[in-house]
Amino acid sequence: MADKAQVETEPIQKRLAVIDDLLDKATQDIARLVSAFGDESDEVAAKALQSKVKEKVQLKDSLEQERTGLKMKLNQTEFTPELRDQIIAMATKIAATLPKG
């Protein structure tokens, strides 16, 4: 069963790794652009840099949303033996409180 769960979650984990790399790059790009924006004295160039910063921030926000969604999906997909045992234990307790009949 663990092998099946691993097969089901592997594409999500791979995409999550790609998203993490893209987030790191976007964060670095934003820092670089903000630094360049602060050093720029030409108004036209400053506006262009400001636009690029805005694009990168939007990209980063989008990637963070996708990352959150993937993590939620990964958490829903994973069904470990420990979780199974916890569910069985809770079901047993609940069953003991139900009326016989």
C-alpha atoms as a PDB file:
ATOM      1  CA  MET A   1       0.000   0.000   0.000  1.00  0.00           C
ATOM      2  CA  ALA A   2       2.905   2.337   0.692  1.00  0.00           C
ATOM      3  CA  ASP A   3       4.167   1.742  -2.844  1.00  0.00           C
ATOM      4  CA  LYS A   4       0.789   2.730  -4.294  1.00  0.00           C
ATOM      5  CA  ALA A   5       0.723   5.914  -2.208  1.00  0.00           C
ATOM      6  CA  GLN A   6       4.252   6.737  -3.334  1.00  0.00           C
ATOM      7  CA  VAL A   7       3.309   6.202  -6.988  1.00  0.00           C
ATOM      8  CA  GLU A   8       0.257   8.445  -6.553  1.00  0.00           C
ATOM      9  CA  THR A   9       2.178  11.221  -4.807  1.00  0.00           C
ATOM     10  CA  GLU A  10       5.369  11.150  -6.881  1.00  0.00           C
ATOM     11  CA  PRO A  11       4.137  13.514  -9.648  1.00  0.00           C
ATOM     12  CA  ILE A  12       2.871  15.942  -7.016  1.00  0.00           C
ATOM     13  CA  GLN A  13       6.183  15.828  -5.173  1.00  0.00           C
ATOM     14  CA  LYS A  14       8.103  16.423  -8.410  1.00  0.00           C
ATOM     15  CA  ARG A  15       5.899  19.408  -9.303  1.00  0.00           C
ATOM     16  CA  LEU A  16       6.311  20.736  -5.767  1.00  0.00           C
ATOM     17  CA  ALA A  17      10.096  20.594  -6.162  1.00  0.00           C
ATOM     18  CA  VAL A  18       9.847  22.520  -9.449  1.00  0.00           C
ATOM     19  CA  ILE A  19       7.575  25.096  -7.811  1.00  0.00           C
ATOM     20  CA  ASP A  20      10.045  25.515  -4.929  1.00  0.00           C
ATOM     21  CA  ASP A  21      12.873  26.143  -7.409  1.00  0.00           C
ATOM     22  CA  LEU A  22      10.767  28.657  -9.340  1.00  0.00           C
ATOM     23  CA  LEU A  23       9.818  30.415  -6.100  1.00  0.00           C
ATOM     24  CA  ASP A  24      13.492  30.716  -5.134  1.00  0.00           C
ATOM     25  CA  LYS A  25      14.322  32.173  -8.535  1.00  0.00           C
ATOM     26  CA  ALA A  26      11.390  34.607  -8.422  1.00  0.00           C
ATOM     27  CA  THR A  27      12.439  35.770  -4.955  1.00  0.00           C
ATOM     28  CA  GLN A  28      15.999  36.344  -6.150  1.00  0.00           C
ATOM     29  CA  ASP A  29      14.745  38.180  -9.258  1.00  0.00           C
ATOM     30  CA  ILE A  30      12.544  40.433  -7.141  1.00  0.00           C
ATOM     31  CA  ALA A  31      15.457  41.302  -4.841  1.00  0.00           C
ATOM     32  CA  ARG A  32      17.695  42.029  -7.831  1.00  0.00           C
ATOM     33  CA  LEU A  33      15.050  44.195  -9.535  1.00  0.00           C
ATOM     34  CA  VAL A  34      14.252  46.116  -6.335  1.00  0.00           C
ATOM     35  CA  SER A  35      17.946  46.828  -5.875  1.00  0.00           C
ATOM     36  CA  ALA A  36      18.252  48.010  -9.482  1.00  0.00           C
ATOM     37  CA  PHE A  37      15.101  50.103  -9.083  1.00  0.00           C
ATOM     38  CA  GLY A  38      16.593  51.846  -6.054  1.00  0.00           C
ATOM     39  CA  ASP A  39      19.783  52.619  -7.948  1.00  0.00           C
ATOM     40  CA  GLU A  40      18.014  53.915 -11.083  1.00  0.00           C
ATOM     41  CA  SER A  41      17.827  57.667 -11.618  1.00  0.00           C
ATOM     42  CA  ASP A  42      16.228  57.589 -15.095  1.00  0.00           C
ATOM     43  CA  GLU A  43      12.453  57.822 -14.658  1.00  0.00           C
ATOM     44  CA  VAL A  44      11.619  55.735 -17.743  1.00  0.00           C
ATOM     45  CA  ALA A  45      13.996  52.955 -16.709  1.00  0.00           C
ATOM     46  CA  ALA A  46      12.665  53.122 -13.149  1.00  0.00           C
ATOM     47  CA  LYS A  47       9.085  52.660 -14.422  1.00  0.00           C
ATOM     48  CA  ALA A  48      10.181  49.684 -16.514  1.00  0.00           C
ATOM     49  CA  LEU A  49      11.891  48.122 -13.492  1.00  0.00           C
ATOM     50  CA  GLN A  50       8.824  48.793 -11.365  1.00  0.00           C
ATOM     51  CA  SER A  51       6.688  46.990 -13.940  1.00  0.00           C
ATOM     52  CA  LYS A  52       9.057  44.012 -13.925  1.00  0.00           C
ATOM     53  CA  VAL A  53       8.950  43.875 -10.126  1.00  0.00           C
ATOM     54  CA  LYS A  54       5.154  43.833 -10.250  1.00  0.00           C
ATOM     55  CA  GLU A  55       5.205  40.971 -12.792  1.00  0.00           C
ATOM     56  CA  LYS A  56       7.609  38.942 -10.654  1.00  0.00           C
ATOM     57  CA  VAL A  57       5.538  39.522  -7.514  1.00  0.00           C
ATOM     58  CA  GLN A  58       2.424  38.326  -9.350  1.00  0.00           C
ATOM     59  CA  LEU A  59       4.325  35.259 -10.572  1.00  0.00           C
ATOM     60  CA  LYS A  60       5.551  34.557  -7.054  1.00  0.00           C
ATOM     61  CA  ASP A  61       2.016  34.886  -5.650  1.00  0.00           C
ATOM     62  CA  SER A  62       0.724  32.494  -8.298  1.00  0.00           C
ATOM     63  CA  LEU A  63       3.466  29.978  -7.542  1.00  0.00           C
ATOM     64  CA  GLU A  64       2.755  30.198  -3.812  1.00  0.00           C
ATOM     65  CA  GLN A  65      -0.928  29.513  -4.449  1.00  0.00           C
ATOM     66  CA  GLU A  66      -0.057  26.498  -6.586  1.00  0.00           C
ATOM     67  CA  ARG A  67       2.374  25.295  -3.916  1.00  0.00           C
ATOM     68  CA  THR A  68      -0.330  25.545  -1.248  1.00  0.00           C
ATOM     69  CA  GLY A  69      -2.764  23.613  -3.443  1.00  0.00           C
ATOM     70  CA  LEU A  70      -0.208  20.893  -4.152  1.00  0.00           C
ATOM     71  CA  LYS A  71       0.611  20.520  -0.464  1.00  0.00           C
ATOM     72  CA  MET A  72      -3.079  20.188   0.351  1.00  0.00           C
ATOM     73  CA  LYS A  73      -3.466  17.580  -2.376  1.00  0.00           C
ATOM     74  CA  LEU A  74      -0.394  15.737  -1.138  1.00  0.00           C
ATOM     75  CA  ASN A  75      -1.758  15.684   2.415  1.00  0.00           C
ATOM     76  CA  GLN A  76      -5.065  14.315   1.163  1.00  0.00           C
ATOM     77  CA  THR A  77      -3.357  11.641  -0.923  1.00  0.00           C
ATOM     78  CA  GLU A  78      -0.980  10.312   1.722  1.00  0.00           C
ATOM     79  CA  PHE A  79      -2.478   7.494   3.759  1.00  0.00           C
ATOM     80  CA  THR A  80       0.205   6.043   5.975  1.00  0.00           C
ATOM     81  CA  PRO A  81      -0.086   2.841   8.013  1.00  0.00           C
ATOM     82  CA  GLU A  82       0.041   4.992  11.167  1.00  0.00           C
ATOM     83  CA  LEU A  83      -2.957   7.014   9.974  1.00  0.00           C
ATOM     84  CA  ARG A  84      -4.794   3.786   9.156  1.00  0.00           C
ATOM     85  CA  ASP A  85      -4.125   2.481  12.673  1.00  0.00           C
ATOM     86  CA  GLN A  86      -5.364   5.747  14.200  1.00  0.00           C
ATOM     87  CA  ILE A  87      -8.562   5.577  12.154  1.00  0.00           C
ATOM     88  CA  ILE A  88      -9.172   1.958  13.196  1.00  0.00           C
ATOM     89  CA  ALA A  89      -8.559   2.848  16.856  1.00  0.00           C
ATOM     90  CA  MET A  90     -11.016   5.748  16.705  1.00  0.00           C
ATOM     91  CA  ALA A  91     -13.601   3.619  14.903  1.00  0.00           C
ATOM     92  CA  THR A  92     -13.236   0.914  17.547  1.00  0.00           C
ATOM     93  CA  LYS A  93     -13.814   3.455  20.335  1.00  0.00           C
ATOM     94  CA  ILE A  94     -16.866   4.849  18.567  1.00  0.00           C
ATOM     95  CA  ALA A  95     -18.232   1.367  17.896  1.00  0.00           C
ATOM     96  CA  ALA A  96     -17.930   0.549  21.605  1.00  0.00           C
ATOM     97  CA  THR A  97     -20.178   3.491  22.496  1.00  0.00           C
ATOM     98  CA  LEU A  98     -22.915   2.564  20.034  1.00  0.00           C
ATOM     99  CA  PRO A  99     -25.944   0.626  21.264  1.00  0.00           C
ATOM    100  CA  LYS A 100     -25.829  -3.094  20.555  1.00  0.00           C
ATOM    101  CA  GLY A 101     -28.488  -4.452  18.336  1.00  0.00           C
END
